[in-house]
């Protein structure tokens, strides 16, 4: 494996750890569901 730093705003797993609101929720929802790559 290779360990790489990811900016918090692009951390997809963030939606699995906290009750996000606003644009960040919709951005990560699209990523976690695969509607965006």
ModelCIF file with pLDDT and N, C-alpha, C, O atoms, coordinates in Angstrom:
data_MODEL
#
_entry.id   MODEL 
#
_entity.id                         1 
_entity.type                       polymer 
_entity.pdbx_number_of_molecules   1 
#
_entity_poly.entity_id                      1 
_entity_poly.type                           'polypeptide(L)' 
_entity_poly.nstd_linkage                   no 
_entity_poly.nstd_monomer                   no 
_entity_poly.pdbx_seq_one_letter_code       
;(UNK)(UNK)(UNK)(UNK)(UNK)(UNK)(UNK)(UNK)(UNK)(UNK)(UNK)(UNK)(UNK)(UNK)(UNK)(UNK)
(UNK)(UNK)(UNK)(UNK)(UNK)(UNK)(UNK)(UNK)(UNK)(UNK)(UNK)(UNK)(UNK)(UNK)(UNK)(UNK)
(UNK)(UNK)(UNK)(UNK)(UNK)
;
_entity_poly.pdbx_seq_one_letter_code_can   XXXXXXXXXXXXXXXXXXXXXXXXXXXXXXXXXXXXX 
_entity_poly.pdbx_strand_id                 A 
#
loop_
_entity_poly_seq.entity_id 
_entity_poly_seq.num 
_entity_poly_seq.mon_id 
_entity_poly_seq.hetero 
1 1  UNK n 
1 2  UNK n 
1 3  UNK n 
1 4  UNK n 
1 5  UNK n 
1 6  UNK n 
1 7  UNK n 
1 8  UNK n 
1 9  UNK n 
1 10 UNK n 
1 11 UNK n 
1 12 UNK n 
1 13 UNK n 
1 14 UNK n 
1 15 UNK n 
1 16 UNK n 
1 17 UNK n 
1 18 UNK n 
1 19 UNK n 
1 20 UNK n 
1 21 UNK n 
1 22 UNK n 
1 23 UNK n 
1 24 UNK n 
1 25 UNK n 
1 26 UNK n 
1 27 UNK n 
1 28 UNK n 
1 29 UNK n 
1 30 UNK n 
1 31 UNK n 
1 32 UNK n 
1 33 UNK n 
1 34 UNK n 
1 35 UNK n 
1 36 UNK n 
1 37 UNK n 
#
_struct_asym.id          A 
_struct_asym.entity_id   1 
#
loop_
_ma_qa_metric.id 
_ma_qa_metric.mode 
_ma_qa_metric.name 
_ma_qa_metric.software_group_id 
_ma_qa_metric.type 
1 global pLDDT . pLDDT 
2 local  pLDDT . pLDDT 
#
_ma_qa_metric_global.metric_id      1 
_ma_qa_metric_global.metric_value   96.27 
_ma_qa_metric_global.model_id       1 
_ma_qa_metric_global.ordinal_id     1 
#
loop_
_ma_qa_metric_local.label_asym_id 
_ma_qa_metric_local.label_comp_id 
_ma_qa_metric_local.label_seq_id 
_ma_qa_metric_local.metric_id 
_ma_qa_metric_local.metric_value 
_ma_qa_metric_local.model_id 
_ma_qa_metric_local.ordinal_id 
A UNK 1  2 96.00 1 1  
A UNK 2  2 96.00 1 2  
A UNK 3  2 96.00 1 3  
A UNK 4  2 97.00 1 4  
A UNK 5  2 97.00 1 5  
A UNK 6  2 97.00 1 6  
A UNK 7  2 96.00 1 7  
A UNK 8  2 94.00 1 8  
A UNK 9  2 95.00 1 9  
A UNK 10 2 96.00 1 10 
A UNK 11 2 97.00 1 11 
A UNK 12 2 97.00 1 12 
A UNK 13 2 98.00 1 13 
A UNK 14 2 98.00 1 14 
A UNK 15 2 98.00 1 15 
A UNK 16 2 98.00 1 16 
A UNK 17 2 98.00 1 17 
A UNK 18 2 96.00 1 18 
A UNK 19 2 97.00 1 19 
A UNK 20 2 97.00 1 20 
A UNK 21 2 95.00 1 21 
A UNK 22 2 96.00 1 22 
A UNK 23 2 97.00 1 23 
A UNK 24 2 97.00 1 24 
A UNK 25 2 97.00 1 25 
A UNK 26 2 97.00 1 26 
A UNK 27 2 97.00 1 27 
A UNK 28 2 97.00 1 28 
A UNK 29 2 98.00 1 29 
A UNK 30 2 97.00 1 30 
A UNK 31 2 97.00 1 31 
A UNK 32 2 97.00 1 32 
A UNK 33 2 98.00 1 33 
A UNK 34 2 96.00 1 34 
A UNK 35 2 94.00 1 35 
A UNK 36 2 90.00 1 36 
A UNK 37 2 88.00 1 37 
#
loop_
_atom_site.group_PDB 
_atom_site.id 
_atom_site.type_symbol 
_atom_site.label_atom_id 
_atom_site.label_alt_id 
_atom_site.label_comp_id 
_atom_site.label_asym_id 
_atom_site.label_entity_id 
_atom_site.label_seq_id 
_atom_site.pdbx_PDB_ins_code 
_atom_site.Cartn_x 
_atom_site.Cartn_y 
_atom_site.Cartn_z 
_atom_site.occupancy 
_atom_site.B_iso_or_equiv 
_atom_site.pdbx_formal_charge 
_atom_site.auth_seq_id 
_atom_site.auth_comp_id 
_atom_site.auth_asym_id 
_atom_site.auth_atom_id 
_atom_site.pdbx_PDB_model_num 
ATOM 1   N N  . UNK A 1 1  ? 0.831   -1.194 0.000   1.00 96.00 ? 1  UNK A N  1 
ATOM 2   C CA . UNK A 1 1  ? 0.000   0.000  0.000   1.00 96.00 ? 1  UNK A CA 1 
ATOM 3   C C  . UNK A 1 1  ? 0.869   1.249  0.000   1.00 96.00 ? 1  UNK A C  1 
ATOM 4   O O  . UNK A 1 1  ? 2.030   1.215  0.408   1.00 96.00 ? 1  UNK A O  1 
ATOM 5   N N  . UNK A 1 2  ? 0.292   2.345  -0.462  1.00 96.00 ? 2  UNK A N  1 
ATOM 6   C CA . UNK A 1 2  ? 0.953   3.650  -0.412  1.00 96.00 ? 2  UNK A CA 1 
ATOM 7   C C  . UNK A 1 2  ? 0.043   4.608  0.342   1.00 96.00 ? 2  UNK A C  1 
ATOM 8   O O  . UNK A 1 2  ? -1.147  4.708  0.043   1.00 96.00 ? 2  UNK A O  1 
ATOM 9   N N  . UNK A 1 3  ? 0.601   5.308  1.314   1.00 96.00 ? 3  UNK A N  1 
ATOM 10  C CA . UNK A 1 3  ? -0.172  6.225  2.142   1.00 96.00 ? 3  UNK A CA 1 
ATOM 11  C C  . UNK A 1 3  ? 0.017   7.642  1.636   1.00 96.00 ? 3  UNK A C  1 
ATOM 12  O O  . UNK A 1 3  ? 1.142   8.134  1.549   1.00 96.00 ? 3  UNK A O  1 
ATOM 13  N N  . UNK A 1 4  ? -1.092  8.299  1.301   1.00 97.00 ? 4  UNK A N  1 
ATOM 14  C CA . UNK A 1 4  ? -1.049  9.629  0.685   1.00 97.00 ? 4  UNK A CA 1 
ATOM 15  C C  . UNK A 1 4  ? -1.940  10.588 1.464   1.00 97.00 ? 4  UNK A C  1 
ATOM 16  O O  . UNK A 1 4  ? -3.031  10.221 1.902   1.00 97.00 ? 4  UNK A O  1 
ATOM 17  N N  . UNK A 1 5  ? -1.466  11.817 1.633   1.00 97.00 ? 5  UNK A N  1 
ATOM 18  C CA . UNK A 1 5  ? -2.282  12.820 2.315   1.00 97.00 ? 5  UNK A CA 1 
ATOM 19  C C  . UNK A 1 5  ? -3.388  13.303 1.395   1.00 97.00 ? 5  UNK A C  1 
ATOM 20  O O  . UNK A 1 5  ? -3.172  13.535 0.205   1.00 97.00 ? 5  UNK A O  1 
ATOM 21  N N  . UNK A 1 6  ? -4.583  13.450 1.970   1.00 97.00 ? 6  UNK A N  1 
ATOM 22  C CA . UNK A 1 6  ? -5.749  13.928 1.225   1.00 97.00 ? 6  UNK A CA 1 
ATOM 23  C C  . UNK A 1 6  ? -6.317  15.144 1.953   1.00 97.00 ? 6  UNK A C  1 
ATOM 24  O O  . UNK A 1 6  ? -6.541  15.069 3.161   1.00 97.00 ? 6  UNK A O  1 
ATOM 25  N N  . UNK A 1 7  ? -6.556  16.252 1.270   1.00 96.00 ? 7  UNK A N  1 
ATOM 26  C CA . UNK A 1 7  ? -7.171  17.419 1.932   1.00 96.00 ? 7  UNK A CA 1 
ATOM 27  C C  . UNK A 1 7  ? -8.531  17.055 2.529   1.00 96.00 ? 7  UNK A C  1 
ATOM 28  O O  . UNK A 1 7  ? -9.273  16.258 1.955   1.00 96.00 ? 7  UNK A O  1 
ATOM 29  N N  . UNK A 1 8  ? -8.847  17.634 3.663   1.00 94.00 ? 8  UNK A N  1 
ATOM 30  C CA . UNK A 1 8  ? -10.097 17.295 4.360   1.00 94.00 ? 8  UNK A CA 1 
ATOM 31  C C  . UNK A 1 8  ? -11.318 17.510 3.485   1.00 94.00 ? 8  UNK A C  1 
ATOM 32  O O  . UNK A 1 8  ? -12.268 16.730 3.552   1.00 94.00 ? 8  UNK A O  1 
ATOM 33  N N  . UNK A 1 9  ? -11.311 18.563 2.657   1.00 95.00 ? 9  UNK A N  1 
ATOM 34  C CA . UNK A 1 9  ? -12.478 18.840 1.820   1.00 95.00 ? 9  UNK A CA 1 
ATOM 35  C C  . UNK A 1 9  ? -12.707 17.773 0.748   1.00 95.00 ? 9  UNK A C  1 
ATOM 36  O O  . UNK A 1 9  ? -13.794 17.690 0.175   1.00 95.00 ? 9  UNK A O  1 
ATOM 37  N N  . UNK A 1 10 ? -11.678 16.951 0.476   1.00 96.00 ? 10 UNK A N  1 
ATOM 38  C CA . UNK A 1 10 ? -11.813 15.881 -0.517  1.00 96.00 ? 10 UNK A CA 1 
ATOM 39  C C  . UNK A 1 10 ? -11.860 14.492 0.120   1.00 96.00 ? 10 UNK A C  1 
ATOM 40  O O  . UNK A 1 10 ? -11.874 13.480 -0.582  1.00 96.00 ? 10 UNK A O  1 
ATOM 41  N N  . UNK A 1 11 ? -11.883 14.452 1.455   1.00 97.00 ? 11 UNK A N  1 
ATOM 42  C CA . UNK A 1 11 ? -11.893 13.165 2.161   1.00 97.00 ? 11 UNK A CA 1 
ATOM 43  C C  . UNK A 1 11 ? -13.300 12.567 2.115   1.00 97.00 ? 11 UNK A C  1 
ATOM 44  O O  . UNK A 1 11 ? -14.186 12.995 2.855   1.00 97.00 ? 11 UNK A O  1 
ATOM 45  N N  . UNK A 1 12 ? -13.500 11.574 1.240   1.00 97.00 ? 12 UNK A N  1 
ATOM 46  C CA . UNK A 1 12 ? -14.826 10.997 1.026   1.00 97.00 ? 12 UNK A CA 1 
ATOM 47  C C  . UNK A 1 12 ? -15.369 10.363 2.303   1.00 97.00 ? 12 UNK A C  1 
ATOM 48  O O  . UNK A 1 12 ? -16.568 10.437 2.572   1.00 97.00 ? 12 UNK A O  1 
ATOM 49  N N  . UNK A 1 13 ? -14.485 9.736  3.096   1.00 98.00 ? 13 UNK A N  1 
ATOM 50  C CA . UNK A 1 13 ? -14.930 9.056  4.316   1.00 98.00 ? 13 UNK A CA 1 
ATOM 51  C C  . UNK A 1 13 ? -15.451 10.026 5.365   1.00 98.00 ? 13 UNK A C  1 
ATOM 52  O O  . UNK A 1 13 ? -16.012 9.601  6.375   1.00 98.00 ? 13 UNK A O  1 
ATOM 53  N N  . UNK A 1 14 ? -15.271 11.336 5.137   1.00 98.00 ? 14 UNK A N  1 
ATOM 54  C CA . UNK A 1 14 ? -15.756 12.340 6.093   1.00 98.00 ? 14 UNK A CA 1 
ATOM 55  C C  . UNK A 1 14 ? -17.272 12.261 6.253   1.00 98.00 ? 14 UNK A C  1 
ATOM 56  O O  . UNK A 1 14 ? -17.795 12.533 7.334   1.00 98.00 ? 14 UNK A O  1 
ATOM 57  N N  . UNK A 1 15 ? -17.981 11.892 5.189   1.00 98.00 ? 15 UNK A N  1 
ATOM 58  C CA . UNK A 1 15 ? -19.439 11.802 5.250   1.00 98.00 ? 15 UNK A CA 1 
ATOM 59  C C  . UNK A 1 15 ? -19.897 10.608 6.084   1.00 98.00 ? 15 UNK A C  1 
ATOM 60  O O  . UNK A 1 15 ? -21.067 10.518 6.454   1.00 98.00 ? 15 UNK A O  1 
ATOM 61  N N  . UNK A 1 16 ? -18.974 9.693  6.380   1.00 98.00 ? 16 UNK A N  1 
ATOM 62  C CA . UNK A 1 16 ? -19.287 8.517  7.187   1.00 98.00 ? 16 UNK A CA 1 
ATOM 63  C C  . UNK A 1 16 ? -18.992 8.738  8.673   1.00 98.00 ? 16 UNK A C  1 
ATOM 64  O O  . UNK A 1 16 ? -19.251 7.860  9.496   1.00 98.00 ? 16 UNK A O  1 
ATOM 65  N N  . UNK A 1 17 ? -18.446 9.917  9.015   1.00 98.00 ? 17 UNK A N  1 
ATOM 66  C CA . UNK A 1 17 ? -18.014 10.138 10.399  1.00 98.00 ? 17 UNK A CA 1 
ATOM 67  C C  . UNK A 1 17 ? -18.692 11.297 11.104  1.00 98.00 ? 17 UNK A C  1 
ATOM 68  O O  . UNK A 1 17 ? -18.567 11.432 12.321  1.00 98.00 ? 17 UNK A O  1 
ATOM 69  N N  . UNK A 1 18 ? -19.410 12.139 10.366  1.00 96.00 ? 18 UNK A N  1 
ATOM 70  C CA . UNK A 1 18 ? -20.024 13.309 11.003  1.00 96.00 ? 18 UNK A CA 1 
ATOM 71  C C  . UNK A 1 18 ? -21.253 13.778 10.238  1.00 96.00 ? 18 UNK A C  1 
ATOM 72  O O  . UNK A 1 18 ? -21.375 13.522 9.040   1.00 96.00 ? 18 UNK A O  1 
ATOM 73  N N  . UNK A 1 19 ? -22.161 14.460 10.920  1.00 97.00 ? 19 UNK A N  1 
ATOM 74  C CA . UNK A 1 19 ? -23.389 14.957 10.276  1.00 97.00 ? 19 UNK A CA 1 
ATOM 75  C C  . UNK A 1 19 ? -23.126 16.232 9.481   1.00 97.00 ? 19 UNK A C  1 
ATOM 76  O O  . UNK A 1 19 ? -23.390 17.332 9.967   1.00 97.00 ? 19 UNK A O  1 
ATOM 77  N N  . UNK A 1 20 ? -22.618 16.094 8.291   1.00 97.00 ? 20 UNK A N  1 
ATOM 78  C CA . UNK A 1 20 ? -22.283 17.246 7.459   1.00 97.00 ? 20 UNK A CA 1 
ATOM 79  C C  . UNK A 1 20 ? -23.539 17.973 6.987   1.00 97.00 ? 20 UNK A C  1 
ATOM 80  O O  . UNK A 1 20 ? -24.619 17.389 6.901   1.00 97.00 ? 20 UNK A O  1 
ATOM 81  N N  . UNK A 1 21 ? -23.375 19.250 6.686   1.00 95.00 ? 21 UNK A N  1 
ATOM 82  C CA . UNK A 1 21 ? -24.457 20.078 6.163   1.00 95.00 ? 21 UNK A CA 1 
ATOM 83  C C  . UNK A 1 21 ? -23.922 20.892 4.984   1.00 95.00 ? 21 UNK A C  1 
ATOM 84  O O  . UNK A 1 21 ? -22.711 20.993 4.787   1.00 95.00 ? 21 UNK A O  1 
ATOM 85  N N  . UNK A 1 22 ? -24.829 21.463 4.212   1.00 96.00 ? 22 UNK A N  1 
ATOM 86  C CA . UNK A 1 22 ? -24.460 22.398 3.162   1.00 96.00 ? 22 UNK A CA 1 
ATOM 87  C C  . UNK A 1 22 ? -23.780 21.774 1.961   1.00 96.00 ? 22 UNK A C  1 
ATOM 88  O O  . UNK A 1 22 ? -23.904 20.570 1.733   1.00 96.00 ? 22 UNK A O  1 
ATOM 89  N N  . UNK A 1 23 ? -23.049 22.590 1.178   1.00 97.00 ? 23 UNK A N  1 
ATOM 90  C CA . UNK A 1 23 ? -22.417 22.134 -0.072  1.00 97.00 ? 23 UNK A CA 1 
ATOM 91  C C  . UNK A 1 23 ? -21.471 20.955 0.117   1.00 97.00 ? 23 UNK A C  1 
ATOM 92  O O  . UNK A 1 23 ? -21.363 20.098 -0.760  1.00 97.00 ? 23 UNK A O  1 
ATOM 93  N N  . UNK A 1 24 ? -20.777 20.905 1.274   1.00 97.00 ? 24 UNK A N  1 
ATOM 94  C CA . UNK A 1 24 ? -19.843 19.810 1.505   1.00 97.00 ? 24 UNK A CA 1 
ATOM 95  C C  . UNK A 1 24 ? -20.556 18.465 1.568   1.00 97.00 ? 24 UNK A C  1 
ATOM 96  O O  . UNK A 1 24 ? -20.028 17.460 1.093   1.00 97.00 ? 24 UNK A O  1 
ATOM 97  N N  . UNK A 1 25 ? -21.751 18.442 2.152   1.00 97.00 ? 25 UNK A N  1 
ATOM 98  C CA . UNK A 1 25 ? -22.530 17.198 2.202   1.00 97.00 ? 25 UNK A CA 1 
ATOM 99  C C  . UNK A 1 25 ? -22.877 16.723 0.800   1.00 97.00 ? 25 UNK A C  1 
ATOM 100 O O  . UNK A 1 25 ? -22.715 15.546 0.480   1.00 97.00 ? 25 UNK A O  1 
ATOM 101 N N  . UNK A 1 26 ? -23.353 17.636 -0.035  1.00 97.00 ? 26 UNK A N  1 
ATOM 102 C CA . UNK A 1 26 ? -23.766 17.248 -1.391  1.00 97.00 ? 26 UNK A CA 1 
ATOM 103 C C  . UNK A 1 26 ? -22.561 16.837 -2.249  1.00 97.00 ? 26 UNK A C  1 
ATOM 104 O O  . UNK A 1 26 ? -22.662 15.940 -3.086  1.00 97.00 ? 26 UNK A O  1 
ATOM 105 N N  . UNK A 1 27 ? -21.426 17.502 -2.029  1.00 97.00 ? 27 UNK A N  1 
ATOM 106 C CA . UNK A 1 27 ? -20.210 17.137 -2.765  1.00 97.00 ? 27 UNK A CA 1 
ATOM 107 C C  . UNK A 1 27 ? -19.762 15.717 -2.412  1.00 97.00 ? 27 UNK A C  1 
ATOM 108 O O  . UNK A 1 27 ? -19.498 14.901 -3.295  1.00 97.00 ? 27 UNK A O  1 
ATOM 109 N N  . UNK A 1 28 ? -19.679 15.430 -1.092  1.00 97.00 ? 28 UNK A N  1 
ATOM 110 C CA . UNK A 1 28 ? -19.218 14.111 -0.667  1.00 97.00 ? 28 UNK A CA 1 
ATOM 111 C C  . UNK A 1 28 ? -20.272 13.035 -0.920  1.00 97.00 ? 28 UNK A C  1 
ATOM 112 O O  . UNK A 1 28 ? -19.922 11.872 -1.124  1.00 97.00 ? 28 UNK A O  1 
ATOM 113 N N  . UNK A 1 29 ? -21.550 13.400 -0.912  1.00 98.00 ? 29 UNK A N  1 
ATOM 114 C CA . UNK A 1 29 ? -22.592 12.425 -1.248  1.00 98.00 ? 29 UNK A CA 1 
ATOM 115 C C  . UNK A 1 29 ? -22.425 11.947 -2.683  1.00 98.00 ? 29 UNK A C  1 
ATOM 116 O O  . UNK A 1 29 ? -22.544 10.755 -2.966  1.00 98.00 ? 29 UNK A O  1 
ATOM 117 N N  . UNK A 1 30 ? -22.149 12.877 -3.583  1.00 97.00 ? 30 UNK A N  1 
ATOM 118 C CA . UNK A 1 30 ? -21.938 12.500 -4.984  1.00 97.00 ? 30 UNK A CA 1 
ATOM 119 C C  . UNK A 1 30 ? -20.738 11.572 -5.129  1.00 97.00 ? 30 UNK A C  1 
ATOM 120 O O  . UNK A 1 30 ? -20.747 10.659 -5.955  1.00 97.00 ? 30 UNK A O  1 
ATOM 121 N N  . UNK A 1 31 ? -19.704 11.811 -4.322  1.00 97.00 ? 31 UNK A N  1 
ATOM 122 C CA . UNK A 1 31 ? -18.493 10.983 -4.402  1.00 97.00 ? 31 UNK A CA 1 
ATOM 123 C C  . UNK A 1 31 ? -18.708 9.615  -3.766  1.00 97.00 ? 31 UNK A C  1 
ATOM 124 O O  . UNK A 1 31 ? -18.302 8.602  -4.335  1.00 97.00 ? 31 UNK A O  1 
ATOM 125 N N  . UNK A 1 32 ? -19.348 9.569  -2.578  1.00 97.00 ? 32 UNK A N  1 
ATOM 126 C CA . UNK A 1 32 ? -19.513 8.293  -1.893  1.00 97.00 ? 32 UNK A CA 1 
ATOM 127 C C  . UNK A 1 32 ? -20.474 7.384  -2.651  1.00 97.00 ? 32 UNK A C  1 
ATOM 128 O O  . UNK A 1 32 ? -20.340 6.161  -2.596  1.00 97.00 ? 32 UNK A O  1 
ATOM 129 N N  . UNK A 1 33 ? -21.443 7.967  -3.360  1.00 98.00 ? 33 UNK A N  1 
ATOM 130 C CA . UNK A 1 33 ? -22.376 7.175  -4.145  1.00 98.00 ? 33 UNK A CA 1 
ATOM 131 C C  . UNK A 1 33 ? -21.825 6.832  -5.527  1.00 98.00 ? 33 UNK A C  1 
ATOM 132 O O  . UNK A 1 33 ? -22.383 5.985  -6.224  1.00 98.00 ? 33 UNK A O  1 
ATOM 133 N N  . UNK A 1 34 ? -20.746 7.477  -5.921  1.00 96.00 ? 34 UNK A N  1 
ATOM 134 C CA . UNK A 1 34 ? -20.157 7.173  -7.217  1.00 96.00 ? 34 UNK A CA 1 
ATOM 135 C C  . UNK A 1 34 ? -20.728 7.976  -8.356  1.00 96.00 ? 34 UNK A C  1 
ATOM 136 O O  . UNK A 1 34 ? -20.423 7.694  -9.515  1.00 96.00 ? 34 UNK A O  1 
ATOM 137 N N  . UNK A 1 35 ? -21.560 8.983  -8.062  1.00 94.00 ? 35 UNK A N  1 
ATOM 138 C CA . UNK A 1 35 ? -22.088 9.841  -9.117  1.00 94.00 ? 35 UNK A CA 1 
ATOM 139 C C  . UNK A 1 35 ? -21.039 10.810 -9.620  1.00 94.00 ? 35 UNK A C  1 
ATOM 140 O O  . UNK A 1 35 ? -21.210 11.437 -10.665 1.00 94.00 ? 35 UNK A O  1 
ATOM 141 N N  . UNK A 1 36 ? -19.939 10.933 -8.865  1.00 90.00 ? 36 UNK A N  1 
ATOM 142 C CA . UNK A 1 36 ? -18.783 11.699 -9.277  1.00 90.00 ? 36 UNK A CA 1 
ATOM 143 C C  . UNK A 1 36 ? -17.553 10.845 -8.984  1.00 90.00 ? 36 UNK A C  1 
ATOM 144 O O  . UNK A 1 36 ? -17.541 10.075 -8.024  1.00 90.00 ? 36 UNK A O  1 
ATOM 145 N N  . UNK A 1 37 ? -16.528 10.981 -9.806  1.00 88.00 ? 37 UNK A N  1 
ATOM 146 C CA . UNK A 1 37 ? -15.294 10.216 -9.628  1.00 88.00 ? 37 UNK A CA 1 
ATOM 147 C C  . UNK A 1 37 ? -14.186 11.190 -9.230  1.00 88.00 ? 37 UNK A C  1 
ATOM 148 O O  . UNK A 1 37 ? -13.045 10.777 -9.024  1.00 88.00 ? 37 UNK A O  1 
#
